[in-house]
Amino acid sequence: MGEKTIYLIRHAHPAFPDGVEKMCLGRKHDLPLSTLGLQQATALAERFTSVPLEAVYTSPLQRAHQTAQAVAGNACPIFILDDLIELDGGEWDGLTYDQLHERYPESFGPNARGGCPPGGESDGDGLAERI
């Protein structure tokens, strides 16, 4: 077999609720791409027009799937893999950054303890089983 190149791409900008610019966005909030996100996905697709793609793999979430569709175009198949879904943000999912700092001060700032969100998962949770 010849060499394979794998490109890891994060989804483009999601359509946050009105008045929200940033929020903790895990798997519970399945937001589509915003107008800016659609522009980003189109620009990304243009970067891949000269790259021979065999397949594009995506999470089932709208923002990821829309980004994948733009990149794949009609050039290759898209495969939806549940294992590519966002982390579970637990109690943090859907909260703005200001709300997170207000409700969970122990997790942010100079004395932050780190760890995972209450009721959620950390970056390493379940990773070994999925790979």
C-alpha atoms as a PDB file:
ATOM      1  CA  MET A   1       0.000   0.000   0.000  1.00  0.00           C
ATOM      2  CA  GLY A   2       1.107   3.521  -0.694  1.00  0.00           C
ATOM      3  CA  GLU A   3       1.317   6.380   1.742  1.00  0.00           C
ATOM      4  CA  LYS A   4      -1.869   7.962   3.015  1.00  0.00           C
ATOM      5  CA  THR A   5      -2.252  11.514   4.206  1.00  0.00           C
ATOM      6  CA  ILE A   6      -4.868  12.250   6.826  1.00  0.00           C
ATOM      7  CA  TYR A   7      -6.162  15.789   7.293  1.00  0.00           C
ATOM      8  CA  LEU A   8      -7.768  16.621  10.627  1.00  0.00           C
ATOM      9  CA  ILE A   9     -10.209  19.483  10.268  1.00  0.00           C
ATOM     10  CA  ARG A  10     -12.358  21.065  12.925  1.00  0.00           C
ATOM     11  CA  HIS A  11     -15.818  22.176  11.923  1.00  0.00           C
ATOM     12  CA  ALA A  12     -16.372  25.749  10.795  1.00  0.00           C
ATOM     13  CA  HIS A  13     -18.083  28.450  12.905  1.00  0.00           C
ATOM     14  CA  PRO A  14     -21.439  27.299  14.322  1.00  0.00           C
ATOM     15  CA  ALA A  15     -24.622  29.366  14.453  1.00  0.00           C
ATOM     16  CA  PHE A  16     -24.737  30.261  18.131  1.00  0.00           C
ATOM     17  CA  PRO A  17     -28.060  31.410  19.607  1.00  0.00           C
ATOM     18  CA  ASP A  18     -28.871  35.123  19.228  1.00  0.00           C
ATOM     19  CA  GLY A  19     -26.636  37.311  21.360  1.00  0.00           C
ATOM     20  CA  VAL A  20     -24.140  34.542  22.135  1.00  0.00           C
ATOM     21  CA  GLU A  21     -20.667  34.828  20.629  1.00  0.00           C
ATOM     22  CA  LYS A  22     -19.005  31.898  22.377  1.00  0.00           C
ATOM     23  CA  MET A  23     -20.275  29.009  24.427  1.00  0.00           C
ATOM     24  CA  CYS A  24     -19.223  25.577  25.582  1.00  0.00           C
ATOM     25  CA  LEU A  25     -20.392  23.476  22.709  1.00  0.00           C
ATOM     26  CA  GLY A  26     -20.349  19.740  23.208  1.00  0.00           C
ATOM     27  CA  ARG A  27     -22.462  16.998  21.721  1.00  0.00           C
ATOM     28  CA  LYS A  28     -25.780  18.076  23.267  1.00  0.00           C
ATOM     29  CA  HIS A  29     -26.189  21.172  21.111  1.00  0.00           C
ATOM     30  CA  ASP A  30     -26.366  20.192  17.455  1.00  0.00           C
ATOM     31  CA  LEU A  31     -25.969  23.602  15.835  1.00  0.00           C
ATOM     32  CA  PRO A  32     -25.661  24.142  12.083  1.00  0.00           C
ATOM     33  CA  LEU A  33     -23.018  26.398  10.588  1.00  0.00           C
ATOM     34  CA  SER A  34     -23.465  30.154  10.743  1.00  0.00           C
ATOM     35  CA  THR A  35     -23.184  32.378   7.679  1.00  0.00           C
ATOM     36  CA  LEU A  36     -19.534  32.885   8.609  1.00  0.00           C
ATOM     37  CA  GLY A  37     -19.154  29.117   9.033  1.00  0.00           C
ATOM     38  CA  LEU A  38     -20.561  28.459   5.577  1.00  0.00           C
ATOM     39  CA  GLN A  39     -18.068  30.966   4.155  1.00  0.00           C
ATOM     40  CA  GLN A  40     -15.237  29.259   6.066  1.00  0.00           C
ATOM     41  CA  ALA A  41     -16.328  25.830   4.812  1.00  0.00           C
ATOM     42  CA  THR A  42     -16.443  27.116   1.234  1.00  0.00           C
ATOM     43  CA  ALA A  43     -12.956  28.614   1.583  1.00  0.00           C
ATOM     44  CA  LEU A  44     -11.706  25.338   3.057  1.00  0.00           C
ATOM     45  CA  ALA A  45     -13.253  23.395   0.181  1.00  0.00           C
ATOM     46  CA  GLU A  46     -11.402  25.613  -2.284  1.00  0.00           C
ATOM     47  CA  ARG A  47      -8.120  24.696  -0.563  1.00  0.00           C
ATOM     48  CA  PHE A  48      -8.889  21.010  -1.175  1.00  0.00           C
ATOM     49  CA  THR A  49      -9.888  21.217  -4.840  1.00  0.00           C
ATOM     50  CA  SER A  50      -6.433  20.058  -5.921  1.00  0.00           C
ATOM     51  CA  VAL A  51      -6.121  17.386  -3.217  1.00  0.00           C
ATOM     52  CA  PRO A  52      -7.189  13.885  -4.282  1.00  0.00           C
ATOM     53  CA  LEU A  53      -9.518  12.754  -1.492  1.00  0.00           C
ATOM     54  CA  GLU A  54     -10.645   9.152  -1.141  1.00  0.00           C
ATOM     55  CA  ALA A  55     -13.154   9.760   1.640  1.00  0.00           C
ATOM     56  CA  VAL A  56     -14.239  12.271   4.248  1.00  0.00           C
ATOM     57  CA  TYR A  57     -15.206  11.142   7.736  1.00  0.00           C
ATOM     58  CA  THR A  58     -17.366  13.272  10.001  1.00  0.00           C
ATOM     59  CA  SER A  59     -19.188  13.376  13.276  1.00  0.00           C
ATOM     60  CA  PRO A  60     -22.977  13.160  13.052  1.00  0.00           C
ATOM     61  CA  LEU A  61     -23.364  16.740  14.315  1.00  0.00           C
ATOM     62  CA  GLN A  62     -24.667  19.260  11.770  1.00  0.00           C
ATOM     63  CA  ARG A  63     -21.727  21.671  12.062  1.00  0.00           C
ATOM     64  CA  ALA A  64     -19.231  18.897  11.326  1.00  0.00           C
ATOM     65  CA  HIS A  65     -21.322  17.267   8.627  1.00  0.00           C
ATOM     66  CA  GLN A  66     -21.879  20.563   6.786  1.00  0.00           C
ATOM     67  CA  THR A  67     -18.140  21.262   6.882  1.00  0.00           C
ATOM     68  CA  ALA A  68     -17.440  17.744   5.566  1.00  0.00           C
ATOM     69  CA  GLN A  69     -19.964  18.162   2.754  1.00  0.00           C
ATOM     70  CA  ALA A  70     -18.249  21.337   1.613  1.00  0.00           C
ATOM     71  CA  VAL A  71     -14.818  19.679   1.581  1.00  0.00           C
ATOM     72  CA  ALA A  72     -15.962  16.458  -0.093  1.00  0.00           C
ATOM     73  CA  GLY A  73     -18.212  18.119  -2.645  1.00  0.00           C
ATOM     74  CA  ASN A  74     -18.903  15.474  -5.283  1.00  0.00           C
ATOM     75  CA  ALA A  75     -15.325  14.205  -5.255  1.00  0.00           C
ATOM     76  CA  CYS A  76     -15.619  11.426  -2.682  1.00  0.00           C
ATOM     77  CA  PRO A  77     -17.972   9.711  -0.251  1.00  0.00           C
ATOM     78  CA  ILE A  78     -18.717  11.037   3.234  1.00  0.00           C
ATOM     79  CA  PHE A  79     -18.869   8.598   6.138  1.00  0.00           C
ATOM     80  CA  ILE A  80     -20.553   9.556   9.409  1.00  0.00           C
ATOM     81  CA  LEU A  81     -18.806   8.037  12.432  1.00  0.00           C
ATOM     82  CA  ASP A  82     -20.383   8.349  15.870  1.00  0.00           C
ATOM     83  CA  ASP A  83     -16.935   8.007  17.483  1.00  0.00           C
ATOM     84  CA  LEU A  84     -15.968  11.390  16.023  1.00  0.00           C
ATOM     85  CA  ILE A  85     -18.622  13.236  18.025  1.00  0.00           C
ATOM     86  CA  GLU A  86     -17.694  16.074  20.378  1.00  0.00           C
ATOM     87  CA  LEU A  87     -16.892  15.416  24.010  1.00  0.00           C
ATOM     88  CA  ASP A  88     -19.812  15.418  26.428  1.00  0.00           C
ATOM     89  CA  GLY A  89     -19.669  18.857  28.053  1.00  0.00           C
ATOM     90  CA  GLY A  90     -21.875  17.737  30.923  1.00  0.00           C
ATOM     91  CA  GLU A  91     -23.246  20.652  32.946  1.00  0.00           C
ATOM     92  CA  TRP A  92     -21.066  23.078  30.967  1.00  0.00           C
ATOM     93  CA  ASP A  93     -22.642  22.267  27.609  1.00  0.00           C
ATOM     94  CA  GLY A  94     -24.578  25.251  26.277  1.00  0.00           C
ATOM     95  CA  LEU A  95     -23.254  27.753  28.820  1.00  0.00           C
ATOM     96  CA  THR A  96     -21.508  30.935  27.719  1.00  0.00           C
ATOM     97  CA  TYR A  97     -17.967  31.498  28.906  1.00  0.00           C
ATOM     98  CA  ASP A  98     -19.200  34.202  31.307  1.00  0.00           C
ATOM     99  CA  GLN A  99     -21.705  31.722  32.782  1.00  0.00           C
ATOM    100  CA  LEU A 100     -18.977  29.105  33.137  1.00  0.00           C
ATOM    101  CA  HIS A 101     -16.693  31.501  35.024  1.00  0.00           C
ATOM    102  CA  GLU A 102     -19.569  32.587  37.253  1.00  0.00           C
ATOM    103  CA  ARG A 103     -20.932  29.113  38.064  1.00  0.00           C
ATOM    104  CA  TYR A 104     -17.666  27.165  38.157  1.00  0.00           C
ATOM    105  CA  PRO A 105     -14.957  29.586  39.394  1.00  0.00           C
ATOM    106  CA  GLU A 106     -12.878  26.665  40.704  1.00  0.00           C
ATOM    107  CA  SER A 107     -12.377  25.435  37.133  1.00  0.00           C
ATOM    108  CA  PHE A 108     -11.149  28.720  35.638  1.00  0.00           C
ATOM    109  CA  GLY A 109      -8.566  31.364  36.405  1.00  0.00           C
ATOM    110  CA  PRO A 110      -5.126  31.216  38.047  1.00  0.00           C
ATOM    111  CA  ASN A 111      -6.112  28.636  40.699  1.00  0.00           C
ATOM    112  CA  ALA A 112      -8.041  26.326  38.369  1.00  0.00           C
ATOM    113  CA  ARG A 113      -7.994  22.640  39.251  1.00  0.00           C
ATOM    114  CA  GLY A 114      -8.683  21.428  35.738  1.00  0.00           C
ATOM    115  CA  GLY A 115     -10.425  18.136  35.176  1.00  0.00           C
ATOM    116  CA  CYS A 116     -13.622  17.444  33.352  1.00  0.00           C
ATOM    117  CA  PRO A 117     -16.948  19.238  33.531  1.00  0.00           C
ATOM    118  CA  PRO A 118     -19.471  17.864  36.048  1.00  0.00           C
ATOM    119  CA  GLY A 119     -21.443  15.108  34.345  1.00  0.00           C
ATOM    120  CA  GLY A 120     -19.198  15.288  31.276  1.00  0.00           C
ATOM    121  CA  GLU A 121     -16.041  13.683  30.007  1.00  0.00           C
ATOM    122  CA  SER A 122     -12.417  14.737  29.805  1.00  0.00           C
ATOM    123  CA  ASP A 123     -10.218  14.628  26.725  1.00  0.00           C
ATOM    124  CA  GLY A 124      -8.984  11.136  27.613  1.00  0.00           C
ATOM    125  CA  ASP A 125     -12.225   9.504  28.731  1.00  0.00           C
ATOM    126  CA  GLY A 126     -12.983   6.471  26.626  1.00  0.00           C
ATOM    127  CA  LEU A 127     -10.305   7.368  24.083  1.00  0.00           C
ATOM    128  CA  ALA A 128      -8.340   4.145  24.440  1.00  0.00           C
ATOM    129  CA  GLU A 129     -11.462   2.077  23.816  1.00  0.00           C
ATOM    130  CA  ARG A 130     -12.372   4.065  20.708  1.00  0.00           C
ATOM    131  CA  ILE A 131      -8.985   3.939  19.010  1.00  0.00           C
END
